Amino acid sequence: MKLIRVVRKTKEEQRFSPRMGLLHTRVTYIKRTLAGIPLKTLYAYRGTYYGEVKDCSDCELSH
């Protein structure tokens, strides 16, 4: 059994982009876990309508 694993999870979020406005998108998080406890988010990305993969740093979470 491995203690340190890399886990990928996808969830729906509302993001805000200055050029597009409010955006409902699926965001995939890649996290490093130690025995099931998340330690660090390694990478977060989202897919666009055209199939491109974009980094989530260009959009902010909207509340």
Protein backbone atom coordinates (compact mmCIF):
# COMPACT_ATOMS: atom_id res chain seq x y z
CA MET A 1 0.00 0.00 0.00
CA LYS A 2 1.33 3.41 -0.97
CA LEU A 3 1.23 6.20 1.59
CA ILE A 4 1.82 9.09 -0.81
CA ARG A 5 -0.50 9.15 -3.84
CA VAL A 6 -1.48 11.60 -6.56
CA VAL A 7 -5.25 12.01 -6.87
CA ARG A 8 -7.20 13.69 -9.65
CA LYS A 9 -10.71 15.06 -8.93
CA THR A 10 -13.10 17.04 -11.11
CA LYS A 11 -15.85 19.31 -9.83
CA GLU A 12 -18.09 22.05 -11.21
CA GLU A 13 -17.30 25.63 -10.21
CA GLN A 14 -18.33 29.14 -11.05
CA ARG A 15 -15.40 31.17 -12.31
CA PHE A 16 -15.18 34.79 -13.44
CA SER A 17 -13.11 35.93 -16.38
CA PRO A 18 -12.90 39.63 -17.25
CA ARG A 19 -13.30 38.90 -20.97
CA MET A 20 -16.11 36.30 -20.72
CA GLY A 21 -17.91 37.18 -17.49
CA LEU A 22 -19.38 34.44 -15.28
CA LEU A 23 -18.38 30.97 -16.39
CA HIS A 24 -19.70 27.60 -15.18
CA THR A 25 -16.92 25.11 -15.83
CA ARG A 26 -15.52 21.77 -14.74
CA VAL A 27 -12.20 22.19 -12.92
CA THR A 28 -9.81 19.28 -12.41
CA TYR A 29 -7.52 19.35 -9.39
CA ILE A 30 -4.41 17.18 -9.12
CA LYS A 31 -3.46 16.82 -5.45
CA ARG A 32 -0.78 14.98 -3.52
CA THR A 33 -2.21 13.01 -0.58
CA LEU A 34 -0.68 11.24 2.40
CA ALA A 35 -2.87 8.31 3.51
CA GLY A 36 -5.97 10.05 2.09
CA ILE A 37 -5.26 13.47 3.62
CA PRO A 38 -4.62 16.14 0.95
CA LEU A 39 -1.23 17.82 1.32
CA LYS A 40 -0.74 20.07 -1.68
CA THR A 41 -2.52 21.01 -4.90
CA LEU A 42 -0.05 20.35 -7.69
CA TYR A 43 -2.09 21.65 -10.61
CA ALA A 44 -5.60 22.89 -11.42
CA TYR A 45 -6.89 23.14 -14.97
CA ARG A 46 -10.14 23.48 -16.86
CA GLY A 47 -11.30 22.39 -20.27
CA THR A 48 -12.85 24.86 -22.70
CA TYR A 49 -15.77 24.38 -25.04
CA TYR A 50 -13.34 23.78 -27.91
CA GLY A 51 -11.39 21.07 -26.08
CA GLU A 52 -8.42 23.22 -25.09
CA VAL A 53 -6.91 22.87 -21.62
CA LYS A 54 -6.32 26.12 -19.73
CA ASP A 55 -4.69 26.90 -16.41
CA CYS A 56 -7.04 28.19 -13.71
CA SER A 57 -4.83 31.13 -12.76
CA ASP A 58 -6.45 33.38 -15.41
CA CYS A 59 -9.90 33.09 -13.79
CA GLU A 60 -10.90 33.83 -10.22
CA LEU A 61 -13.51 32.10 -8.10
CA SER A 62 -16.72 34.08 -7.95
CA HIS A 63 -18.85 34.05 -4.83
